[in-house]
C-alpha cells in the first residue's frame, strides 16, 4: 500500500478567474484526497467570494485551507505575502511531509523556499509557464531583477522541479536549474465517459442556445482568459474571411476579461464581422461540457503557454484542435488530433478552412484528440507520476 503523505500546496491565488493553475490544482487535490493522502492549501483571498473564511484554517471539500487576506502590494505581482500567511506557512510545515509551489515569479515561492529549508521539508517547484521566454519579455526589467534576486534561489533550494513540457524544462534550465532535478510531468485532465448520441445532441443544443449560435453553423471556439498572450486577436483576424458565408461560420470567444475584451470587440467591428462573433464571459464546470459540445473545432493561437488546460479539456471532450507552436503540444501532430500552426494569419485561416470544408478530416482529428487526452494527459496517470515523485523525495529530517 502506498505510504500516506501529508502534502502542503502553496499558490499566490486561488480564485477561479486565474484560470489554468487553479483548475489544475483543484483536480490534483481531489485525486490526492481520493488516494488517501492529506492535503493542505495555503493561498490568498484574491478572487474568492466574500463568504469564504479568511486568515484561519478551515476545511473545504476535504482540504484544509488557509486563505490570507491581501490588499495593496499583496494583490498584484509579485504578490507580497501577508504576515498571517507567513505564520500559517510555518505552522503547516511542522506537520507535512512535502510542500509544492504552483506558479513562479511570486514572493510566495521565496517564503516557501526559506521556510521549508528551516523546517527541513522538501518542496517541489512548478512554474506553471511563468518562465517561458515570451512571458519573460513582458515587464522584462522587473522580471530579470526578480529572477536574479529571488527566483533563481528558489530553484536552487527546490528538492525537485516539475516541468509540464520538455520546452518548459529547457526554459527552467536556462535559469540555472539542474536538469537532473527536473521531472517532466504534464497537466492532467478528467476524461468524461463517452456519451450516447442522444446526450451529445442534447448537450450541443443547450450549448448553442447558451452561445446564441444557429444549430447548423460551424462554430470555432476559443475558451480561456481574454489576455493578450492568448493571441485571440490573431484568431479573430484569421477567422474573419470565413465568418458568415454559405456555411454560416461563427467564432465563439468564451472566457473572463483579462485586459483585451474591449479591443477584441473593436477589432470585430473594424473587420465588419461583429454579427458573427459571440463574446461570452465564461461558464462554470457545469456549463463547460455544453460549450465544448456546441463547437466544431477548438482554436488557441497563443503566443505563450506552459501547457494549456483548455486545450486538454477540449481534447478530452473530443474536439479537434488548432493550436499554435507556442502551446507546446507536439502530441497534436503525433495523435493526428488537429493542426499546429505558426502565428501567421494566412496559415491560421487555411487551417480553419480545412476544418470547415473537410468533414472527414475534422471527425478524424476529434477522435485523435480524445485518444491523445487518454494516452498522455489522463488525470489518474498524471497523479501516479506526481505521487511517485513525492514519495521519492528525501524524508523530512
Protein backbone atom coordinates (compact mmCIF):
# COMPACT_ATOMS: atom_id res chain seq x y z
CA UNK A 1 0.00 0.00 0.00
CA UNK A 2 1.29 3.48 -0.89
CA UNK A 3 2.53 5.45 2.10
CA UNK A 4 0.09 8.17 3.15
CA UNK A 5 1.56 11.60 2.54
CA UNK A 6 0.84 14.92 4.20
CA UNK A 7 1.11 17.49 1.41
CA UNK A 8 1.08 21.29 1.56
CA UNK A 9 0.31 23.08 -1.70
CA UNK A 10 1.10 26.79 -1.97
CA UNK A 11 -0.29 29.19 -4.61
CA UNK A 12 -0.35 33.01 -4.58
CA UNK A 13 -4.04 32.98 -5.63
CA UNK A 14 -6.92 30.50 -5.81
CA UNK A 15 -9.79 32.40 -7.45
CA UNK A 16 -11.31 30.71 -10.49
CA UNK A 17 -10.62 33.79 -12.64
CA UNK A 18 -6.90 32.96 -12.52
CA UNK A 19 -7.55 30.10 -14.89
CA UNK A 20 -5.47 27.01 -15.56
CA UNK A 21 -3.18 26.82 -12.50
CA UNK A 22 -6.15 26.99 -10.14
CA UNK A 23 -8.28 24.49 -12.09
CA UNK A 24 -5.32 22.10 -12.29
CA UNK A 25 -4.62 22.41 -8.56
CA UNK A 26 -8.24 21.61 -7.75
CA UNK A 27 -8.18 18.47 -9.90
CA UNK A 28 -4.94 17.25 -8.36
CA UNK A 29 -6.21 17.94 -4.83
CA UNK A 30 -9.30 15.82 -5.40
CA UNK A 31 -7.27 12.94 -6.83
CA UNK A 32 -4.71 13.02 -3.99
CA UNK A 33 -7.52 13.01 -1.43
CA UNK A 34 -9.17 10.06 -3.16
CA UNK A 35 -5.90 8.14 -2.76
CA UNK A 36 -5.89 8.71 0.99
CA UNK A 37 -3.33 11.50 1.20
CA UNK A 38 -3.79 14.57 3.41
CA UNK A 39 -3.81 17.88 1.53
CA UNK A 40 -3.40 21.39 2.90
CA UNK A 41 -3.71 24.52 0.78
CA UNK A 42 -2.18 27.90 1.56
CA UNK A 43 -3.14 30.81 -0.68
CA UNK A 44 -4.51 34.35 -0.75
CA UNK A 45 -8.11 35.51 -0.96
CA UNK A 46 -7.67 37.06 -4.41
CA UNK A 47 -10.78 36.43 -6.48
CA UNK A 48 -12.59 34.48 -3.76
CA UNK A 49 -16.17 35.05 -2.65
CA UNK A 50 -16.65 37.24 0.41
CA UNK A 51 -18.35 34.33 2.21
CA UNK A 52 -15.14 32.26 2.32
CA UNK A 53 -13.26 32.41 5.63
CA UNK A 54 -10.06 34.42 5.76
CA UNK A 55 -6.93 34.17 7.93
CA UNK A 56 -7.92 30.88 9.56
CA UNK A 57 -7.58 27.20 8.74
CA UNK A 58 -10.83 25.58 7.69
CA UNK A 59 -11.92 22.56 5.66
CA UNK A 60 -13.29 22.82 2.12
CA UNK A 61 -14.10 19.63 0.20
CA UNK A 62 -11.74 17.61 2.36
CA UNK A 63 -8.80 20.04 2.01
CA UNK A 64 -7.51 22.08 4.95
CA UNK A 65 -7.38 25.62 3.54
CA UNK A 66 -5.93 28.92 4.68
CA UNK A 67 -6.78 31.98 2.57
CA UNK A 68 -4.86 35.06 3.67
CA UNK A 69 -6.47 38.44 3.28
CA UNK A 70 -4.39 40.57 0.89
CA UNK A 71 -4.51 44.14 -0.34
CA UNK A 72 -2.18 46.67 -1.92
CA UNK A 73 1.14 45.05 -2.89
CA UNK A 74 -0.23 41.65 -1.95
CA UNK A 75 -2.88 41.87 -4.65
CA UNK A 76 -0.52 42.30 -7.62
CA UNK A 77 2.66 40.59 -8.87
CA UNK A 78 4.96 39.55 -7.31
CA UNK A 79 2.32 39.22 -4.57
CA UNK A 80 3.75 40.22 -1.21
CA UNK A 81 2.96 37.64 1.48
CA UNK A 82 0.95 38.98 4.43
CA UNK A 83 2.02 38.23 7.99
CA UNK A 84 -0.91 35.89 8.58
CA UNK A 85 0.16 33.71 5.65
CA UNK A 86 3.77 33.65 6.83
CA UNK A 87 2.69 32.36 10.24
CA UNK A 88 0.29 29.84 8.69
CA UNK A 89 3.10 28.57 6.45
CA UNK A 90 5.41 27.93 9.39
CA UNK A 91 2.61 26.20 11.27
CA UNK A 92 1.72 23.95 8.33
CA UNK A 93 5.32 22.96 7.58
CA UNK A 94 5.63 21.46 11.05
CA UNK A 95 3.07 18.81 10.11
CA UNK A 96 3.69 17.87 6.45
CA UNK A 97 6.00 15.54 4.52
CA UNK A 98 6.28 17.55 1.30
CA UNK A 99 5.35 21.02 0.04
CA UNK A 100 4.66 22.13 -3.52
CA UNK A 101 4.80 25.56 -5.11
CA UNK A 102 2.50 26.24 -8.04
CA UNK A 103 3.07 29.46 -10.06
CA UNK A 104 6.51 31.01 -10.43
CA UNK A 105 7.80 34.58 -10.08
CA UNK A 106 5.97 35.09 -6.80
CA UNK A 107 7.16 36.08 -3.33
CA UNK A 108 5.08 33.17 -2.05
CA UNK A 109 7.76 30.95 -3.58
CA UNK A 110 10.52 32.90 -1.84
CA UNK A 111 8.80 32.47 1.52
CA UNK A 112 8.16 28.78 0.92
CA UNK A 113 11.78 28.10 -0.05
CA UNK A 114 13.13 29.82 3.08
CA UNK A 115 10.57 28.34 5.45
CA UNK A 116 10.82 24.81 4.04
CA UNK A 117 14.60 24.89 4.43
CA UNK A 118 14.26 25.86 8.11
CA UNK A 119 11.63 23.17 8.68
CA UNK A 120 13.69 20.61 6.70
CA UNK A 121 10.73 19.83 4.46
CA UNK A 122 11.42 19.05 0.77
CA UNK A 123 9.46 21.14 -1.70
CA UNK A 124 8.62 20.75 -5.39
CA UNK A 125 8.66 23.80 -7.67
CA UNK A 126 6.25 24.22 -10.61
CA UNK A 127 6.46 27.49 -12.57
CA UNK A 128 3.17 26.88 -14.44
CA UNK A 129 4.65 28.52 -17.54
CA UNK A 130 5.89 31.67 -15.77
CA UNK A 131 9.47 31.16 -17.02
CA UNK A 132 8.52 30.87 -20.69
CA UNK A 133 10.88 33.18 -22.66
CA UNK A 134 7.96 35.01 -24.29
CA UNK A 135 6.39 35.79 -20.91
CA UNK A 136 9.72 36.91 -19.53
CA UNK A 137 9.82 39.64 -22.20
CA UNK A 138 6.67 41.19 -20.67
CA UNK A 139 7.83 43.65 -17.98
CA UNK A 140 11.30 42.39 -18.81
CA UNK A 141 13.38 44.55 -16.46
CA UNK A 142 11.23 43.81 -13.41
CA UNK A 143 11.26 40.08 -14.11
CA UNK A 144 15.00 39.95 -14.71
CA UNK A 145 15.55 41.68 -11.37
CA UNK A 146 13.19 39.26 -9.63
CA UNK A 147 14.92 36.27 -11.24
CA UNK A 148 18.31 37.49 -10.10
CA UNK A 149 17.28 38.40 -6.55
CA UNK A 150 14.64 35.77 -5.75
CA UNK A 151 13.54 33.13 -8.23
CA UNK A 152 16.87 31.50 -9.02
CA UNK A 153 17.43 30.97 -5.29
CA UNK A 154 14.05 29.26 -5.11
CA UNK A 155 15.06 26.97 -7.99
CA UNK A 156 18.31 26.07 -6.24
CA UNK A 157 16.52 25.21 -3.00
CA UNK A 158 13.84 23.03 -4.59
CA UNK A 159 14.20 19.31 -3.92
CA UNK A 160 12.61 18.68 -7.31
CA UNK A 161 11.14 20.72 -10.15
CA UNK A 162 8.04 19.80 -12.15
CA UNK A 163 8.02 20.99 -15.76
CA UNK A 164 4.79 20.41 -17.67
CA UNK A 165 6.53 20.13 -21.07
CA UNK A 166 10.02 19.45 -22.40
CA UNK A 167 10.11 23.05 -23.66
CA UNK A 168 9.45 24.32 -20.15
CA UNK A 169 12.22 22.08 -18.80
CA UNK A 170 14.64 23.76 -21.24
CA UNK A 171 13.45 27.22 -20.13
CA UNK A 172 13.99 26.33 -16.48
CA UNK A 173 17.49 25.05 -17.17
CA UNK A 174 18.25 28.43 -18.79
CA UNK A 175 17.51 29.99 -15.41
CA UNK A 176 20.19 27.91 -13.72
CA UNK A 177 18.27 24.86 -12.53
CA UNK A 178 19.96 21.46 -12.60
CA UNK A 179 18.39 19.30 -15.29
CA UNK A 180 18.62 16.17 -13.14
CA UNK A 181 16.21 17.75 -10.67
CA UNK A 182 13.59 18.41 -13.36
CA UNK A 183 10.74 15.94 -13.90
CA UNK A 184 8.54 16.45 -16.98
CA UNK A 185 5.02 15.70 -15.75
CA UNK A 186 2.17 17.31 -17.72
CA UNK A 187 -1.09 18.78 -16.52
CA UNK A 188 -3.89 16.27 -16.15
CA UNK A 189 -7.45 16.22 -17.37
CA UNK A 190 -10.53 14.22 -16.45
CA UNK A 191 -11.86 12.11 -19.29
CA UNK A 192 -15.65 12.27 -19.44
CA UNK A 193 -17.34 8.97 -20.30
CA UNK A 194 -18.25 8.62 -23.94
CA UNK A 195 -21.86 9.87 -24.03
CA UNK A 196 -24.72 8.38 -26.00
CA UNK A 197 -25.54 10.05 -29.31
CA UNK A 198 -28.75 11.43 -27.81
CA UNK A 199 -26.82 13.00 -24.94
CA UNK A 200 -24.33 14.60 -27.33
CA UNK A 201 -27.17 16.10 -29.36
CA UNK A 202 -28.80 17.49 -26.22
CA UNK A 203 -25.54 18.97 -24.94
CA UNK A 204 -24.87 20.51 -28.33
CA UNK A 205 -28.33 22.05 -28.49
CA UNK A 206 -28.06 23.51 -24.99
CA UNK A 207 -24.58 24.81 -25.72
CA UNK A 208 -25.69 26.55 -28.89
CA UNK A 209 -28.60 28.11 -27.07
CA UNK A 210 -26.18 29.32 -24.38
CA UNK A 211 -23.91 30.88 -27.01
CA UNK A 212 -26.78 32.09 -29.21
CA UNK A 213 -25.46 30.43 -32.37
CA UNK A 214 -27.61 28.71 -35.02
CA UNK A 215 -27.98 24.94 -34.97
CA UNK A 216 -26.41 24.48 -38.41
CA UNK A 217 -23.49 26.94 -38.02
CA UNK A 218 -19.85 25.84 -37.99
CA UNK A 219 -18.50 27.07 -34.64
CA UNK A 220 -14.86 27.89 -33.90
CA UNK A 221 -14.29 28.06 -30.13
CA UNK A 222 -11.76 29.99 -28.10
CA UNK A 223 -12.05 29.14 -24.39
CA UNK A 224 -9.87 30.90 -21.81
CA UNK A 225 -8.89 34.23 -20.31
CA UNK A 226 -9.13 37.22 -22.64
CA UNK A 227 -5.45 38.11 -22.35
CA UNK A 228 -3.05 39.45 -24.98
CA UNK A 229 -0.75 36.42 -24.70
CA UNK A 230 -3.61 34.14 -25.79
CA UNK A 231 -3.39 35.53 -29.36
CA UNK A 232 -7.14 35.97 -29.74
CA UNK A 233 -6.55 38.96 -31.99
CA UNK A 234 -4.70 36.67 -34.42
CA UNK A 235 -7.50 34.13 -34.31
CA UNK A 236 -10.11 36.81 -34.96
CA UNK A 237 -8.16 38.24 -37.90
CA UNK A 238 -7.66 34.74 -39.32
CA UNK A 239 -11.29 33.69 -38.87
CA UNK A 240 -12.73 36.94 -40.30
CA UNK A 241 -12.59 35.90 -44.01
CA UNK A 242 -14.52 32.72 -43.14
CA UNK A 243 -17.20 34.16 -40.87
CA UNK A 244 -20.74 34.14 -42.15
CA UNK A 245 -20.79 32.77 -45.67
CA UNK A 246 -22.79 29.89 -47.08
CA UNK A 247 -21.77 27.55 -44.22
CA UNK A 248 -22.50 30.29 -41.61
CA UNK A 249 -19.25 30.15 -39.68
CA UNK A 250 -19.28 31.64 -36.16
CA UNK A 251 -16.45 32.44 -33.75
CA UNK A 252 -17.26 31.99 -30.04
CA UNK A 253 -14.86 33.75 -27.65
CA UNK A 254 -15.64 32.39 -24.20
CA UNK A 255 -13.85 33.46 -21.05
CA UNK A 256 -13.36 36.14 -18.40
CA UNK A 257 -11.99 39.57 -19.26
CA UNK A 258 -8.26 39.93 -18.65
CA UNK A 259 -7.31 43.09 -20.49
CA UNK A 260 -8.26 42.76 -24.17
CA UNK A 261 -12.03 42.20 -24.32
CA UNK A 262 -12.91 45.72 -25.43
CA UNK A 263 -10.10 45.75 -28.00
CA UNK A 264 -11.35 42.48 -29.49
CA UNK A 265 -14.87 43.84 -29.84
CA UNK A 266 -13.49 46.93 -31.61
CA UNK A 267 -11.44 44.66 -33.87
CA UNK A 268 -14.52 42.63 -34.79
CA UNK A 269 -16.38 45.83 -35.67
CA UNK A 270 -13.46 47.14 -37.73
CA UNK A 271 -13.38 43.85 -39.66
CA UNK A 272 -17.14 44.01 -40.18
CA UNK A 273 -17.75 40.59 -38.61
CA UNK A 274 -19.28 41.56 -35.26
CA UNK A 275 -22.57 39.80 -36.09
CA UNK A 276 -20.73 36.51 -36.45
CA UNK A 277 -18.61 36.75 -33.29
CA UNK A 278 -20.03 35.75 -29.90
CA UNK A 279 -18.45 37.09 -26.70
CA UNK A 280 -19.40 35.15 -23.58
CA UNK A 281 -17.94 35.90 -20.16
CA UNK A 282 -17.41 32.26 -19.33
CA UNK A 283 -19.09 29.30 -17.71
CA UNK A 284 -18.69 27.16 -14.61
CA UNK A 285 -17.83 23.49 -14.62
CA UNK A 286 -21.45 22.59 -15.29
CA UNK A 287 -21.66 24.64 -18.49
CA UNK A 288 -18.26 23.73 -19.88
CA UNK A 289 -19.42 20.44 -21.39
CA UNK A 290 -22.23 22.26 -23.19
CA UNK A 291 -19.87 24.86 -24.66
CA UNK A 292 -17.42 22.22 -25.90
CA UNK A 293 -20.30 20.21 -27.38
CA UNK A 294 -21.54 23.32 -29.19
CA UNK A 295 -18.22 23.78 -31.01
CA UNK A 296 -16.83 22.12 -34.13
CA UNK A 297 -13.17 22.99 -33.53
CA UNK A 298 -11.18 24.40 -30.62
CA UNK A 299 -8.64 27.10 -31.51
CA UNK A 300 -5.83 28.51 -29.36
CA UNK A 301 -3.36 30.69 -31.27
CA UNK A 302 -1.44 31.57 -28.14
CA UNK A 303 1.81 33.49 -28.03
CA UNK A 304 2.90 31.76 -24.84
CA UNK A 305 1.71 28.76 -22.81
CA UNK A 306 3.02 26.39 -20.22
CA UNK A 307 0.61 23.60 -21.10
CA UNK A 308 -2.90 24.87 -21.89
CA UNK A 309 -5.54 23.25 -19.72
CA UNK A 310 -8.35 24.42 -22.00
CA UNK A 311 -6.85 22.59 -24.97
CA UNK A 312 -6.57 19.40 -22.92
CA UNK A 313 -10.18 19.72 -21.77
CA UNK A 314 -11.32 20.28 -25.35
CA UNK A 315 -9.37 17.22 -26.48
CA UNK A 316 -10.93 15.11 -23.73
CA UNK A 317 -14.33 16.25 -25.00
CA UNK A 318 -13.41 15.02 -28.49
CA UNK A 319 -12.90 18.41 -30.15
CA UNK A 320 -10.32 18.69 -32.94
CA UNK A 321 -7.58 21.16 -32.04
CA UNK A 322 -5.97 24.08 -33.82
CA UNK A 323 -3.08 25.23 -31.63
CA UNK A 324 -0.04 27.41 -32.12
CA UNK A 325 3.51 26.13 -31.86
CA UNK A 326 3.81 28.10 -28.61
CA UNK A 327 1.18 25.87 -26.96
CA UNK A 328 3.92 23.21 -26.69
CA UNK A 329 1.61 20.36 -27.67
CA UNK A 330 3.54 18.23 -30.18
CA UNK A 331 1.17 15.40 -29.27
CA UNK A 332 -1.44 17.06 -31.52
CA UNK A 333 0.63 16.00 -34.52
CA UNK A 334 1.58 12.64 -33.05
CA UNK A 335 -2.05 11.60 -32.49
CA UNK A 336 -3.43 13.41 -35.56
CA UNK A 337 -5.59 15.43 -33.18
CA UNK A 338 -5.65 18.57 -35.30
CA UNK A 339 -3.25 21.17 -36.64
CA UNK A 340 -0.27 23.01 -35.17
CA UNK A 341 0.13 26.47 -36.72
CA UNK A 342 2.67 29.23 -36.79
CA UNK A 343 1.45 32.63 -35.64
CA UNK A 344 0.77 33.81 -39.17
CA UNK A 345 -2.77 34.86 -40.03
CA UNK A 346 -2.93 33.27 -43.54
CA UNK A 347 -1.71 29.94 -42.14
CA UNK A 348 -4.34 30.00 -39.40
CA UNK A 349 -7.05 30.92 -41.93
CA UNK A 350 -6.11 27.99 -44.16
CA UNK A 351 -6.18 25.58 -41.21
CA UNK A 352 -9.62 26.79 -40.11
CA UNK A 353 -10.92 26.50 -43.66
CA UNK A 354 -9.80 22.88 -43.84
CA UNK A 355 -11.71 22.04 -40.66
CA UNK A 356 -14.76 23.77 -42.12
CA UNK A 357 -14.57 22.11 -45.53
CA UNK A 358 -13.33 18.58 -44.79
CA UNK A 359 -15.80 16.82 -42.50
CA UNK A 360 -13.92 13.50 -42.53
CA UNK A 361 -10.67 15.23 -41.53
CA UNK A 362 -12.41 17.11 -38.73
CA UNK A 363 -14.03 13.95 -37.38
CA UNK A 364 -10.73 12.06 -37.54
CA UNK A 365 -8.97 14.83 -35.61
CA UNK A 366 -11.66 14.81 -32.92
CA UNK A 367 -11.16 11.08 -32.43
CA UNK A 368 -7.39 11.59 -32.31
CA UNK A 369 -7.78 14.35 -29.74
CA UNK A 370 -9.65 12.08 -27.35
CA UNK A 371 -7.03 9.34 -27.83
CA UNK A 372 -4.32 11.89 -27.09
CA UNK A 373 -6.01 13.02 -23.88
CA UNK A 374 -6.47 9.43 -22.70
CA UNK A 375 -2.93 8.30 -23.53
CA UNK A 376 -0.89 11.26 -22.32
CA UNK A 377 -2.93 13.55 -20.07
CA UNK A 378 -5.49 11.46 -18.16
CA UNK A 379 -5.53 12.77 -14.58
CA UNK A 380 -5.03 9.41 -12.89
CA UNK A 381 -1.85 8.71 -14.88
CA UNK A 382 -0.52 12.21 -14.17
CA UNK A 383 -1.13 11.91 -10.42
CA UNK A 384 0.53 8.47 -10.48
CA UNK A 385 3.69 10.24 -11.59
CA UNK A 386 3.31 13.08 -9.09
CA UNK A 387 2.76 10.55 -6.31
CA UNK A 388 5.90 8.67 -7.32
CA UNK A 389 7.85 11.94 -7.34
CA UNK A 390 6.62 12.95 -3.89
CA UNK A 391 7.27 9.50 -2.39
CA UNK A 392 10.81 9.51 -3.79
CA UNK A 393 11.82 12.75 -2.10
CA UNK A 394 14.09 12.58 0.93
CA UNK A 395 12.06 12.28 4.13
CA UNK A 396 11.96 15.38 6.31
CA UNK A 397 14.84 15.36 8.73
